[in-house]
Amino acid sequence: MTTLTAIAGAAHLAFALLSGAMAQTTAWTWTLYEGQGPLVLANEVPDTPQLKATLECTPGSGVARVSVYGSPLGAGIATVTSGDGQAQTEAVAGRGGKLSLAIRTDHPVFGRFVSSGAIAVAVGDQHQEIAVEPAHLAKLRRFADLCSG
């Protein structure tokens, strides 16, 4: 009976650890924050400080600021691609491993990003990809609509 209890306890512990690991990997989502101040679309773990990427704008400004966090990218001239579209812009390093760049919302590369949900940023030999999963594309489209000037 003791052996069965030990096996059941070990199985329960393994299941709990596995469930926790699965929750960690599925906790990332895209959240659109509207209201007072800037409009923000964040790739985050809700209710935590964990961020992978943010898109931010002043509604109607026609410019989106894209930021990636914990990226291998450094400051400099960035090449931004989505589909067959390409743009160059300045990437600026910030605190905490944040790298930000601005893209006009009427630029073809931003339009392709809104359509596909995929965009890549390269500075020198380093690159970072941002992917908005199909389930969250409506949030990206709303962000683009509200930001457009």
C-alpha atoms as a PDB file:
ATOM      1  CA  MET A   1       0.000   0.000   0.000  1.00  0.00           C
ATOM      2  CA  THR A   2       2.860   2.413   0.751  1.00  0.00           C
ATOM      3  CA  THR A   3       4.399   1.826  -2.688  1.00  0.00           C
ATOM      4  CA  LEU A   4       1.083   2.584  -4.399  1.00  0.00           C
ATOM      5  CA  THR A   5       0.700   5.748  -2.338  1.00  0.00           C
ATOM      6  CA  ALA A   6       4.230   6.847  -3.275  1.00  0.00           C
ATOM      7  CA  ILE A   7       3.610   6.160  -6.973  1.00  0.00           C
ATOM      8  CA  ALA A   8       0.302   8.027  -6.864  1.00  0.00           C
ATOM      9  CA  GLY A   9       1.982  10.952  -5.101  1.00  0.00           C
ATOM     10  CA  ALA A  10       4.805  11.045  -7.665  1.00  0.00           C
ATOM     11  CA  ALA A  11       2.301  10.897 -10.530  1.00  0.00           C
ATOM     12  CA  HIS A  12       0.287  13.726  -8.983  1.00  0.00           C
ATOM     13  CA  LEU A  13       3.446  15.836  -8.569  1.00  0.00           C
ATOM     14  CA  ALA A  14       4.535  15.142 -12.158  1.00  0.00           C
ATOM     15  CA  PHE A  15       1.074  16.095 -13.443  1.00  0.00           C
ATOM     16  CA  ALA A  16       1.119  19.323 -11.413  1.00  0.00           C
ATOM     17  CA  LEU A  17       4.558  20.256 -12.750  1.00  0.00           C
ATOM     18  CA  LEU A  18       3.553  19.448 -16.311  1.00  0.00           C
ATOM     19  CA  SER A  19       0.329  21.441 -15.954  1.00  0.00           C
ATOM     20  CA  GLY A  20       2.296  24.402 -14.608  1.00  0.00           C
ATOM     21  CA  ALA A  21       4.769  24.221 -17.494  1.00  0.00           C
ATOM     22  CA  MET A  22       1.924  24.041 -20.010  1.00  0.00           C
ATOM     23  CA  ALA A  23       0.239  27.035 -18.395  1.00  0.00           C
ATOM     24  CA  GLN A  24       3.497  28.975 -18.660  1.00  0.00           C
ATOM     25  CA  THR A  25       3.802  28.319 -22.394  1.00  0.00           C
ATOM     26  CA  THR A  26       0.154  29.107 -23.154  1.00  0.00           C
ATOM     27  CA  ALA A  27      -0.128  32.195 -20.947  1.00  0.00           C
ATOM     28  CA  TRP A  28       1.242  34.566 -23.650  1.00  0.00           C
ATOM     29  CA  THR A  29      -1.460  36.531 -25.455  1.00  0.00           C
ATOM     30  CA  TRP A  30      -2.062  39.757 -27.366  1.00  0.00           C
ATOM     31  CA  THR A  31      -4.074  42.369 -25.455  1.00  0.00           C
ATOM     32  CA  LEU A  32      -5.397  45.652 -26.868  1.00  0.00           C
ATOM     33  CA  TYR A  33      -5.499  48.523 -24.379  1.00  0.00           C
ATOM     34  CA  GLU A  34      -7.785  51.392 -25.353  1.00  0.00           C
ATOM     35  CA  GLY A  35      -8.885  54.398 -23.357  1.00  0.00           C
ATOM     36  CA  GLN A  36      -7.102  57.453 -22.025  1.00  0.00           C
ATOM     37  CA  GLY A  37      -3.592  57.986 -23.359  1.00  0.00           C
ATOM     38  CA  PRO A  38      -1.874  55.944 -26.022  1.00  0.00           C
ATOM     39  CA  LEU A  39      -3.358  52.896 -27.709  1.00  0.00           C
ATOM     40  CA  VAL A  40      -1.283  49.783 -26.926  1.00  0.00           C
ATOM     41  CA  LEU A  41      -1.306  46.267 -28.363  1.00  0.00           C
ATOM     42  CA  ALA A  42       0.855  44.111 -26.101  1.00  0.00           C
ATOM     43  CA  ASN A  43       2.211  40.574 -26.443  1.00  0.00           C
ATOM     44  CA  GLU A  44       2.234  39.759 -22.753  1.00  0.00           C
ATOM     45  CA  VAL A  45       1.459  37.440 -19.933  1.00  0.00           C
ATOM     46  CA  PRO A  46      -1.543  39.289 -18.459  1.00  0.00           C
ATOM     47  CA  ASP A  47      -1.239  40.716 -14.959  1.00  0.00           C
ATOM     48  CA  THR A  48       2.556  40.332 -14.990  1.00  0.00           C
ATOM     49  CA  PRO A  49       5.395  42.585 -16.178  1.00  0.00           C
ATOM     50  CA  GLN A  50       6.350  40.014 -18.860  1.00  0.00           C
ATOM     51  CA  LEU A  51       6.377  41.488 -22.381  1.00  0.00           C
ATOM     52  CA  LYS A  52       7.682  40.195 -25.702  1.00  0.00           C
ATOM     53  CA  ALA A  53       6.509  43.064 -27.896  1.00  0.00           C
ATOM     54  CA  THR A  54       4.273  46.129 -27.899  1.00  0.00           C
ATOM     55  CA  LEU A  55       2.768  48.334 -30.573  1.00  0.00           C
ATOM     56  CA  GLU A  56       1.838  51.817 -29.406  1.00  0.00           C
ATOM     57  CA  CYS A  57       0.386  54.923 -30.999  1.00  0.00           C
ATOM     58  CA  THR A  58      -1.537  58.069 -30.393  1.00  0.00           C
ATOM     59  CA  PRO A  59      -4.905  57.431 -32.086  1.00  0.00           C
ATOM     60  CA  GLY A  60      -5.063  59.140 -35.482  1.00  0.00           C
ATOM     61  CA  SER A  61      -1.323  59.906 -35.549  1.00  0.00           C
ATOM     62  CA  GLY A  62      -0.483  57.615 -38.471  1.00  0.00           C
ATOM     63  CA  VAL A  63       2.651  56.325 -36.710  1.00  0.00           C
ATOM     64  CA  ALA A  64       3.071  53.108 -34.726  1.00  0.00           C
ATOM     65  CA  ARG A  65       5.970  52.555 -32.340  1.00  0.00           C
ATOM     66  CA  VAL A  66       6.999  48.892 -32.309  1.00  0.00           C
ATOM     67  CA  SER A  67       9.012  47.698 -29.311  1.00  0.00           C
ATOM     68  CA  VAL A  68      10.604  44.316 -28.647  1.00  0.00           C
ATOM     69  CA  TYR A  69      11.838  43.235 -25.243  1.00  0.00           C
ATOM     70  CA  GLY A  70      14.775  40.983 -24.365  1.00  0.00           C
ATOM     71  CA  SER A  71      15.855  40.972 -27.990  1.00  0.00           C
ATOM     72  CA  PRO A  72      19.363  40.350 -29.319  1.00  0.00           C
ATOM     73  CA  LEU A  73      18.944  43.487 -31.442  1.00  0.00           C
ATOM     74  CA  GLY A  74      21.027  46.571 -30.844  1.00  0.00           C
ATOM     75  CA  ALA A  75      20.363  50.190 -31.748  1.00  0.00           C
ATOM     76  CA  GLY A  76      20.984  51.300 -35.317  1.00  0.00           C
ATOM     77  CA  ILE A  77      19.338  51.304 -38.715  1.00  0.00           C
ATOM     78  CA  ALA A  78      16.704  48.584 -38.753  1.00  0.00           C
ATOM     79  CA  THR A  79      15.322  46.804 -41.784  1.00  0.00           C
ATOM     80  CA  VAL A  80      11.676  45.889 -41.252  1.00  0.00           C
ATOM     81  CA  THR A  81      10.084  43.260 -43.495  1.00  0.00           C
ATOM     82  CA  SER A  82       6.670  41.706 -43.842  1.00  0.00           C
ATOM     83  CA  GLY A  83       5.870  39.562 -46.841  1.00  0.00           C
ATOM     84  CA  ASP A  84       7.594  41.213 -49.793  1.00  0.00           C
ATOM     85  CA  GLY A  85       7.452  44.662 -48.161  1.00  0.00           C
ATOM     86  CA  GLN A  86      10.486  46.322 -46.656  1.00  0.00           C
ATOM     87  CA  ALA A  87      11.268  49.552 -44.825  1.00  0.00           C
ATOM     88  CA  GLN A  88      14.217  51.068 -43.008  1.00  0.00           C
ATOM     89  CA  THR A  89      13.954  53.043 -39.813  1.00  0.00           C
ATOM     90  CA  GLU A  90      16.034  53.891 -36.767  1.00  0.00           C
ATOM     91  CA  ALA A  91      15.941  51.445 -33.865  1.00  0.00           C
ATOM     92  CA  VAL A  92      16.534  53.021 -30.461  1.00  0.00           C
ATOM     93  CA  ALA A  93      17.611  51.044 -27.385  1.00  0.00           C
ATOM     94  CA  GLY A  94      15.806  51.673 -24.122  1.00  0.00           C
ATOM     95  CA  ARG A  95      15.966  50.425 -20.571  1.00  0.00           C
ATOM     96  CA  GLY A  96      15.505  46.777 -19.697  1.00  0.00           C
ATOM     97  CA  GLY A  97      16.441  45.340 -23.095  1.00  0.00           C
ATOM     98  CA  LYS A  98      13.738  47.302 -24.933  1.00  0.00           C
ATOM     99  CA  LEU A  99      14.336  48.231 -28.574  1.00  0.00           C
ATOM    100  CA  SER A 100      11.856  50.583 -30.286  1.00  0.00           C
ATOM    101  CA  LEU A 101      11.279  51.794 -33.819  1.00  0.00           C
ATOM    102  CA  ALA A 102       8.604  53.799 -35.594  1.00  0.00           C
ATOM    103  CA  ILE A 103       6.661  52.776 -38.706  1.00  0.00           C
ATOM    104  CA  ARG A 104       4.056  54.838 -40.543  1.00  0.00           C
ATOM    105  CA  THR A 105       0.734  53.026 -40.574  1.00  0.00           C
ATOM    106  CA  ASP A 106       0.249  53.895 -44.261  1.00  0.00           C
ATOM    107  CA  HIS A 107       3.565  52.241 -45.261  1.00  0.00           C
ATOM    108  CA  PRO A 108       3.112  49.033 -47.333  1.00  0.00           C
ATOM    109  CA  VAL A 109       5.204  46.977 -44.875  1.00  0.00           C
ATOM    110  CA  PHE A 110       2.817  47.884 -42.057  1.00  0.00           C
ATOM    111  CA  GLY A 111      -0.152  46.986 -44.267  1.00  0.00           C
ATOM    112  CA  ARG A 112       1.367  43.576 -44.987  1.00  0.00           C
ATOM    113  CA  PHE A 113       1.986  43.085 -41.264  1.00  0.00           C
ATOM    114  CA  VAL A 114      -1.663  43.877 -40.492  1.00  0.00           C
ATOM    115  CA  SER A 115      -2.758  41.379 -43.154  1.00  0.00           C
ATOM    116  CA  SER A 116      -0.409  38.541 -42.227  1.00  0.00           C
ATOM    117  CA  GLY A 117       0.408  39.127 -38.553  1.00  0.00           C
ATOM    118  CA  ALA A 118       4.110  38.560 -39.262  1.00  0.00           C
ATOM    119  CA  ILE A 119       6.885  41.136 -39.239  1.00  0.00           C
ATOM    120  CA  ALA A 120      10.662  40.841 -38.868  1.00  0.00           C
ATOM    121  CA  VAL A 121      13.138  43.434 -37.646  1.00  0.00           C
ATOM    122  CA  ALA A 122      16.858  43.172 -38.455  1.00  0.00           C
ATOM    123  CA  VAL A 123      19.710  45.336 -37.210  1.00  0.00           C
ATOM    124  CA  GLY A 124      23.031  44.242 -38.659  1.00  0.00           C
ATOM    125  CA  ASP A 125      23.273  40.450 -38.469  1.00  0.00           C
ATOM    126  CA  GLN A 126      20.690  40.124 -35.703  1.00  0.00           C
ATOM    127  CA  HIS A 127      16.961  39.731 -36.289  1.00  0.00           C
ATOM    128  CA  GLN A 128      13.752  39.421 -34.286  1.00  0.00           C
ATOM    129  CA  GLU A 129      10.381  38.234 -35.504  1.00  0.00           C
ATOM    130  CA  ILE A 130       7.014  39.325 -34.184  1.00  0.00           C
ATOM    131  CA  ALA A 131       4.001  37.128 -34.873  1.00  0.00           C
ATOM    132  CA  VAL A 132       0.382  37.934 -34.141  1.00  0.00           C
ATOM    133  CA  GLU A 133      -1.481  34.647 -34.220  1.00  0.00           C
ATOM    134  CA  PRO A 134      -4.616  34.420 -36.420  1.00  0.00           C
ATOM    135  CA  ALA A 135      -6.889  34.440 -33.343  1.00  0.00           C
ATOM    136  CA  HIS A 136      -5.568  37.937 -32.500  1.00  0.00           C
ATOM    137  CA  LEU A 137      -5.468  39.530 -35.982  1.00  0.00           C
ATOM    138  CA  ALA A 138      -8.730  41.409 -35.335  1.00  0.00           C
ATOM    139  CA  LYS A 139      -6.966  43.258 -32.475  1.00  0.00           C
ATOM    140  CA  LEU A 140      -4.086  44.160 -34.792  1.00  0.00           C
ATOM    141  CA  ARG A 141      -6.535  45.436 -37.434  1.00  0.00           C
ATOM    142  CA  ARG A 142      -8.379  47.529 -34.848  1.00  0.00           C
ATOM    143  CA  PHE A 143      -5.052  48.933 -33.634  1.00  0.00           C
ATOM    144  CA  ALA A 144      -4.108  49.867 -37.219  1.00  0.00           C
ATOM    145  CA  ASP A 145      -7.526  51.447 -37.890  1.00  0.00           C
ATOM    146  CA  LEU A 146      -7.429  53.573 -34.741  1.00  0.00           C
ATOM    147  CA  CYS A 147      -3.808  54.651 -35.297  1.00  0.00           C
ATOM    148  CA  SER A 148      -4.187  55.629 -38.944  1.00  0.00           C
ATOM    149  CA  GLY A 149      -4.078  59.357 -39.610  1.00  0.00           C
END
